[in-house]
Amino acid sequence: MSDDISIGGESIRLGQFLKFAGLLDSGGDAKEAIIDGYVRVNGEVDRRRGRQLVDGDLVTYDGRTVRVRP
């Protein structure tokens, strides 16, 4: 099960989304978690902090999954 997080637009970068969704507190924490391979997008590890997320993408960190919504 996942929570839906409305981003208020068409897309958002992965690093920004982790902070926006409350999964991580800071950009530095988000950068480290992504680079270290702790973040999954649609079930796969993604190490690109600038990856553009769109409606329906599932982001998982630390056992919590959230779905991107516009």
PDB file of N, CA and C in Angstrom:
ATOM      1  N   MET A   1       0.839  -1.185   0.000  1.00  0.00           N
ATOM      2  CA  MET A   1       0.000   0.000   0.000  1.00  0.00           C
ATOM      3  C   MET A   1       0.881   1.245   0.000  1.00  0.00           C
ATOM      4  N   SER A   2       0.426   2.283  -0.670  1.00  0.00           N
ATOM      5  CA  SER A   2       1.201   3.517  -0.744  1.00  0.00           C
ATOM      6  C   SER A   2       0.307   4.722  -0.494  1.00  0.00           C
ATOM      7  N   ASP A   3       0.950   5.797  -0.073  1.00  0.00           N
ATOM      8  CA  ASP A   3       0.266   7.077   0.080  1.00  0.00           C
ATOM      9  C   ASP A   3       0.414   7.842  -1.224  1.00  0.00           C
ATOM     10  N   ASP A   4      -0.606   8.625  -1.588  1.00  0.00           N
ATOM     11  CA  ASP A   4      -0.511   9.489  -2.751  1.00  0.00           C
ATOM     12  C   ASP A   4      -0.036  10.863  -2.298  1.00  0.00           C
ATOM     13  N   ILE A   5       0.966  11.417  -2.997  1.00  0.00           N
ATOM     14  CA  ILE A   5       1.489  12.739  -2.697  1.00  0.00           C
ATOM     15  C   ILE A   5       1.295  13.613  -3.930  1.00  0.00           C
ATOM     16  N   SER A   6       0.468  14.654  -3.805  1.00  0.00           N
ATOM     17  CA  SER A   6       0.220  15.565  -4.914  1.00  0.00           C
ATOM     18  C   SER A   6       1.359  16.572  -5.013  1.00  0.00           C
ATOM     19  N   ILE A   7       1.963  16.669  -6.201  1.00  0.00           N
ATOM     20  CA  ILE A   7       3.101  17.557  -6.396  1.00  0.00           C
ATOM     21  C   ILE A   7       2.686  18.908  -6.970  1.00  0.00           C
ATOM     22  N   GLY A   8       1.427  19.066  -7.354  1.00  0.00           N
ATOM     23  CA  GLY A   8       0.938  20.344  -7.849  1.00  0.00           C
ATOM     24  C   GLY A   8       1.444  20.713  -9.231  1.00  0.00           C
ATOM     25  N   GLY A   9       1.854  19.730 -10.004  1.00  0.00           N
ATOM     26  CA  GLY A   9       2.348  19.987 -11.357  1.00  0.00           C
ATOM     27  C   GLY A   9       2.552  18.686 -12.100  1.00  0.00           C
ATOM     28  N   GLU A  10       3.229  18.775 -13.242  1.00  0.00           N
ATOM     29  CA  GLU A  10       3.417  17.612 -14.100  1.00  0.00           C
ATOM     30  C   GLU A  10       4.552  16.699 -13.659  1.00  0.00           C
ATOM     31  N   SER A  11       5.648  17.290 -13.145  1.00  0.00           N
ATOM     32  CA  SER A  11       6.796  16.483 -12.768  1.00  0.00           C
ATOM     33  C   SER A  11       7.566  17.140 -11.632  1.00  0.00           C
ATOM     34  N   ILE A  12       8.454  16.351 -11.009  1.00  0.00           N
ATOM     35  CA  ILE A  12       9.306  16.826  -9.925  1.00  0.00           C
ATOM     36  C   ILE A  12      10.552  15.943  -9.918  1.00  0.00           C
ATOM     37  N   ARG A  13      11.660  16.511  -9.512  1.00  0.00           N
ATOM     38  CA  ARG A  13      12.903  15.735  -9.438  1.00  0.00           C
ATOM     39  C   ARG A  13      12.877  14.839  -8.204  1.00  0.00           C
ATOM     40  N   LEU A  14      13.551  13.699  -8.316  1.00  0.00           N
ATOM     41  CA  LEU A  14      13.558  12.709  -7.245  1.00  0.00           C
ATOM     42  C   LEU A  14      14.037  13.289  -5.923  1.00  0.00           C
ATOM     43  N   GLY A  15      15.148  14.015  -5.936  1.00  0.00           N
ATOM     44  CA  GLY A  15      15.672  14.597  -4.699  1.00  0.00           C
ATOM     45  C   GLY A  15      14.690  15.544  -4.048  1.00  0.00           C
ATOM     46  N   GLN A  16      14.032  16.379  -4.854  1.00  0.00           N
ATOM     47  CA  GLN A  16      13.031  17.303  -4.336  1.00  0.00           C
ATOM     48  C   GLN A  16      11.836  16.550  -3.765  1.00  0.00           C
ATOM     49  N   PHE A  17      11.428  15.502  -4.454  1.00  0.00           N
ATOM     50  CA  PHE A  17      10.252  14.752  -4.031  1.00  0.00           C
ATOM     51  C   PHE A  17      10.466  14.080  -2.680  1.00  0.00           C
ATOM     52  N   LEU A  18      11.659  13.558  -2.438  1.00  0.00           N
ATOM     53  CA  LEU A  18      11.934  12.897  -1.163  1.00  0.00           C
ATOM     54  C   LEU A  18      11.735  13.861   0.002  1.00  0.00           C
ATOM     55  N   LYS A  19      12.148  15.114  -0.178  1.00  0.00           N
ATOM     56  CA  LYS A  19      11.936  16.128   0.861  1.00  0.00           C
ATOM     57  C   LYS A  19      10.463  16.524   0.931  1.00  0.00           C
ATOM     58  N   PHE A  20       9.866  16.785  -0.228  1.00  0.00           N
ATOM     59  CA  PHE A  20       8.476  17.235  -0.309  1.00  0.00           C
ATOM     60  C   PHE A  20       7.522  16.225   0.336  1.00  0.00           C
ATOM     61  N   ALA A  21       7.787  14.943   0.123  1.00  0.00           N
ATOM     62  CA  ALA A  21       6.917  13.886   0.648  1.00  0.00           C
ATOM     63  C   ALA A  21       7.198  13.585   2.123  1.00  0.00           C
ATOM     64  N   GLY A  22       8.241  14.205   2.669  1.00  0.00           N
ATOM     65  CA  GLY A  22       8.570  13.987   4.069  1.00  0.00           C
ATOM     66  C   GLY A  22       9.333  12.696   4.332  1.00  0.00           C
ATOM     67  N   LEU A  23       9.877  12.100   3.288  1.00  0.00           N
ATOM     68  CA  LEU A  23      10.653  10.876   3.463  1.00  0.00           C
ATOM     69  C   LEU A  23      12.036  11.174   4.030  1.00  0.00           C
ATOM     70  N   LEU A  24      12.575  12.343   3.698  1.00  0.00           N
ATOM     71  CA  LEU A  24      13.869  12.783   4.219  1.00  0.00           C
ATOM     72  C   LEU A  24      13.776  14.262   4.568  1.00  0.00           C
ATOM     73  N   ASP A  25      14.636  14.703   5.480  1.00  0.00           N
ATOM     74  CA  ASP A  25      14.541  16.075   5.995  1.00  0.00           C
ATOM     75  C   ASP A  25      15.274  17.121   5.165  1.00  0.00           C
ATOM     76  N   SER A  26      16.347  16.726   4.494  1.00  0.00           N
ATOM     77  CA  SER A  26      17.142  17.726   3.792  1.00  0.00           C
ATOM     78  C   SER A  26      17.606  17.226   2.435  1.00  0.00           C
ATOM     79  N   GLY A  27      18.050  18.183   1.615  1.00  0.00           N
ATOM     80  CA  GLY A  27      18.579  17.828   0.313  1.00  0.00           C
ATOM     81  C   GLY A  27      19.841  16.993   0.423  1.00  0.00           C
ATOM     82  N   GLY A  28      20.659  17.283   1.429  1.00  0.00           N
ATOM     83  CA  GLY A  28      21.877  16.506   1.637  1.00  0.00           C
ATOM     84  C   GLY A  28      21.569  15.058   1.979  1.00  0.00           C
ATOM     85  N   ASP A  29      20.572  14.871   2.849  1.00  0.00           N
ATOM     86  CA  ASP A  29      20.157  13.504   3.200  1.00  0.00           C
ATOM     87  C   ASP A  29      19.619  12.774   1.975  1.00  0.00           C
ATOM     88  N   ALA A  30      18.832  13.484   1.160  1.00  0.00           N
ATOM     89  CA  ALA A  30      18.256  12.884  -0.042  1.00  0.00           C
ATOM     90  C   ALA A  30      19.363  12.476  -1.005  1.00  0.00           C
ATOM     91  N   LYS A  31      20.341  13.362  -1.198  1.00  0.00           N
ATOM     92  CA  LYS A  31      21.451  13.074  -2.102  1.00  0.00           C
ATOM     93  C   LYS A  31      22.195  11.816  -1.664  1.00  0.00           C
ATOM     94  N   GLU A  32      22.516  11.716  -0.378  1.00  0.00           N
ATOM     95  CA  GLU A  32      23.231  10.546   0.135  1.00  0.00           C
ATOM     96  C   GLU A  32      22.423   9.265  -0.025  1.00  0.00           C
ATOM     97  N   ALA A  33      21.135   9.318   0.314  1.00  0.00           N
ATOM     98  CA  ALA A  33      20.285   8.125   0.218  1.00  0.00           C
ATOM     99  C   ALA A  33      20.186   7.641  -1.222  1.00  0.00           C
ATOM    100  N   ILE A  34      20.077   8.576  -2.161  1.00  0.00           N
ATOM    101  CA  ILE A  34      19.974   8.215  -3.578  1.00  0.00           C
ATOM    102  C   ILE A  34      21.289   7.616  -4.066  1.00  0.00           C
ATOM    103  N   ILE A  35      22.396   8.294  -3.787  1.00  0.00           N
ATOM    104  CA  ILE A  35      23.703   7.817  -4.252  1.00  0.00           C
ATOM    105  C   ILE A  35      24.038   6.453  -3.652  1.00  0.00           C
ATOM    106  N   ASP A  36      23.658   6.248  -2.390  1.00  0.00           N
ATOM    107  CA  ASP A  36      23.965   4.986  -1.709  1.00  0.00           C
ATOM    108  C   ASP A  36      23.030   3.843  -2.115  1.00  0.00           C
ATOM    109  N   GLY A  37      22.025   4.134  -2.962  1.00  0.00           N
ATOM    110  CA  GLY A  37      21.154   3.083  -3.483  1.00  0.00           C
ATOM    111  C   GLY A  37      20.008   2.685  -2.569  1.00  0.00           C
ATOM    112  N   TYR A  38      19.631   3.580  -1.644  1.00  0.00           N
ATOM    113  CA  TYR A  38      18.542   3.267  -0.709  1.00  0.00           C
ATOM    114  C   TYR A  38      17.159   3.659  -1.232  1.00  0.00           C
ATOM    115  N   VAL A  39      17.112   4.303  -2.383  1.00  0.00           N
ATOM    116  CA  VAL A  39      15.842   4.792  -2.932  1.00  0.00           C
ATOM    117  C   VAL A  39      15.483   3.965  -4.164  1.00  0.00           C
ATOM    118  N   ARG A  40      14.233   3.543  -4.212  1.00  0.00           N
ATOM    119  CA  ARG A  40      13.731   2.804  -5.374  1.00  0.00           C
ATOM    120  C   ARG A  40      12.630   3.612  -6.053  1.00  0.00           C
ATOM    121  N   VAL A  41      12.642   3.571  -7.372  1.00  0.00           N
ATOM    122  CA  VAL A  41      11.581   4.186  -8.172  1.00  0.00           C
ATOM    123  C   VAL A  41      10.965   3.078  -9.010  1.00  0.00           C
ATOM    124  N   ASN A  42       9.686   2.860  -8.817  1.00  0.00           N
ATOM    125  CA  ASN A  42       8.973   1.794  -9.521  1.00  0.00           C
ATOM    126  C   ASN A  42       9.659   0.439  -9.330  1.00  0.00           C
ATOM    127  N   GLY A  43      10.156   0.220  -8.109  1.00  0.00           N
ATOM    128  CA  GLY A  43      10.728  -1.072  -7.754  1.00  0.00           C
ATOM    129  C   GLY A  43      12.197  -1.261  -8.061  1.00  0.00           C
ATOM    130  N   GLU A  44      12.830  -0.268  -8.705  1.00  0.00           N
ATOM    131  CA  GLU A  44      14.234  -0.406  -9.073  1.00  0.00           C
ATOM    132  C   GLU A  44      15.062   0.709  -8.443  1.00  0.00           C
ATOM    133  N   VAL A  45      16.271   0.360  -7.994  1.00  0.00           N
ATOM    134  CA  VAL A  45      17.177   1.365  -7.440  1.00  0.00           C
ATOM    135  C   VAL A  45      17.473   2.401  -8.518  1.00  0.00           C
ATOM    136  N   ASP A  46      17.383   3.677  -8.139  1.00  0.00           N
ATOM    137  CA  ASP A  46      17.710   4.758  -9.078  1.00  0.00           C
ATOM    138  C   ASP A  46      18.650   5.724  -8.369  1.00  0.00           C
ATOM    139  N   ARG A  47      19.832   5.903  -8.915  1.00  0.00           N
ATOM    140  CA  ARG A  47      20.842   6.757  -8.284  1.00  0.00           C
ATOM    141  C   ARG A  47      20.914   8.146  -8.919  1.00  0.00           C
ATOM    142  N   ARG A  48      19.873   8.531  -9.649  1.00  0.00           N
ATOM    143  CA  ARG A  48      19.856   9.846 -10.310  1.00  0.00           C
ATOM    144  C   ARG A  48      18.986  10.809  -9.505  1.00  0.00           C
ATOM    145  N   ARG A  49      19.618  11.707  -8.787  1.00  0.00           N
ATOM    146  CA  ARG A  49      18.877  12.663  -7.964  1.00  0.00           C
ATOM    147  C   ARG A  49      17.966  13.549  -8.816  1.00  0.00           C
ATOM    148  N   GLY A  50      18.394  13.818 -10.064  1.00  0.00           N
ATOM    149  CA  GLY A  50      17.627  14.683 -10.952  1.00  0.00           C
ATOM    150  C   GLY A  50      16.581  13.969 -11.785  1.00  0.00           C
ATOM    151  N   ARG A  51      16.366  12.691 -11.542  1.00  0.00           N
ATOM    152  CA  ARG A  51      15.364  11.948 -12.310  1.00  0.00           C
ATOM    153  C   ARG A  51      14.004  12.639 -12.199  1.00  0.00           C
ATOM    154  N   GLN A  52      13.347  12.804 -13.333  1.00  0.00           N
ATOM    155  CA  GLN A  52      12.031  13.426 -13.352  1.00  0.00           C
ATOM    156  C   GLN A  52      10.966  12.381 -13.031  1.00  0.00           C
ATOM    157  N   LEU A  53      10.229  12.622 -11.966  1.00  0.00           N
ATOM    158  CA  LEU A  53       9.119  11.744 -11.604  1.00  0.00           C
ATOM    159  C   LEU A  53       7.839  12.300 -12.200  1.00  0.00           C
ATOM    160  N   VAL A  54       6.949  11.415 -12.606  1.00  0.00           N
ATOM    161  CA  VAL A  54       5.678  11.821 -13.188  1.00  0.00           C
ATOM    162  C   VAL A  54       4.535  11.072 -12.503  1.00  0.00           C
ATOM    163  N   ASP A  55       3.322  11.431 -12.845  1.00  0.00           N
ATOM    164  CA  ASP A  55       2.124  10.842 -12.262  1.00  0.00           C
ATOM    165  C   ASP A  55       2.184   9.316 -12.273  1.00  0.00           C
ATOM    166  N   GLY A  56       1.989   8.724 -11.111  1.00  0.00           N
ATOM    167  CA  GLY A  56       1.937   7.276 -10.998  1.00  0.00           C
ATOM    168  C   GLY A  56       3.228   6.615 -10.573  1.00  0.00           C
ATOM    169  N   ASP A  57       4.360   7.340 -10.637  1.00  0.00           N
ATOM    170  CA  ASP A  57       5.621   6.748 -10.192  1.00  0.00           C
ATOM    171  C   ASP A  57       5.544   6.408  -8.703  1.00  0.00           C
ATOM    172  N   LEU A  58       6.137   5.280  -8.336  1.00  0.00           N
ATOM    173  CA  LEU A  58       6.183   4.853  -6.936  1.00  0.00           C
ATOM    174  C   LEU A  58       7.605   5.009  -6.422  1.00  0.00           C
ATOM    175  N   VAL A  59       7.743   5.742  -5.318  1.00  0.00           N
ATOM    176  CA  VAL A  59       9.057   5.981  -4.719  1.00  0.00           C
ATOM    177  C   VAL A  59       9.086   5.305  -3.354  1.00  0.00           C
ATOM    178  N   THR A  60      10.116   4.486  -3.132  1.00  0.00           N
ATOM    179  CA  THR A  60      10.239   3.756  -1.868  1.00  0.00           C
ATOM    180  C   THR A  60      11.548   4.116  -1.183  1.00  0.00           C
ATOM    181  N   TYR A  61      11.430   4.437   0.105  1.00  0.00           N
ATOM    182  CA  TYR A  61      12.605   4.690   0.933  1.00  0.00           C
ATOM    183  C   TYR A  61      12.294   4.236   2.354  1.00  0.00           C
ATOM    184  N   ASP A  62      13.193   3.487   2.938  1.00  0.00           N
ATOM    185  CA  ASP A  62      13.092   3.060   4.338  1.00  0.00           C
ATOM    186  C   ASP A  62      11.754   2.374   4.641  1.00  0.00           C
ATOM    187  N   GLY A  63      11.310   1.512   3.719  1.00  0.00           N
ATOM    188  CA  GLY A  63      10.100   0.736   3.941  1.00  0.00           C
ATOM    189  C   GLY A  63       8.796   1.468   3.676  1.00  0.00           C
ATOM    190  N   ARG A  64       8.868   2.728   3.274  1.00  0.00           N
ATOM    191  CA  ARG A  64       7.651   3.495   2.978  1.00  0.00           C
ATOM    192  C   ARG A  64       7.591   3.778   1.479  1.00  0.00           C
ATOM    193  N   THR A  65       6.434   3.534   0.894  1.00  0.00           N
ATOM    194  CA  THR A  65       6.242   3.788  -0.540  1.00  0.00           C
ATOM    195  C   THR A  65       5.187   4.872  -0.724  1.00  0.00           C
ATOM    196  N   VAL A  66       5.505   5.830  -1.580  1.00  0.00           N
ATOM    197  CA  VAL A  66       4.560   6.904  -1.903  1.00  0.00           C
ATOM    198  C   VAL A  66       4.422   7.007  -3.418  1.00  0.00           C
ATOM    199  N   ARG A  67       3.212   7.388  -3.854  1.00  0.00           N
ATOM    200  CA  ARG A  67       2.902   7.501  -5.280  1.00  0.00           C
ATOM    201  C   ARG A  67       2.823   8.980  -5.654  1.00  0.00           C
ATOM    202  N   VAL A  68       3.457   9.322  -6.767  1.00  0.00           N
ATOM    203  CA  VAL A  68       3.441  10.685  -7.286  1.00  0.00           C
ATOM    204  C   VAL A  68       2.097  10.949  -7.959  1.00  0.00           C
ATOM    205  N   ARG A  69       1.474  12.061  -7.586  1.00  0.00           N
ATOM    206  CA  ARG A  69       0.225  12.512  -8.208  1.00  0.00           C
ATOM    207  C   ARG A  69       0.368  13.988  -8.584  1.00  0.00           C
ATOM    208  N   PRO A  70      -0.260  14.399  -9.684  1.00  0.00           N
ATOM    209  CA  PRO A  70      -0.147  15.824 -10.098  1.00  0.00           C
ATOM    210  C   PRO A  70      -0.906  16.748  -9.158  1.00  0.00           C
TER     211      PRO A  70
END
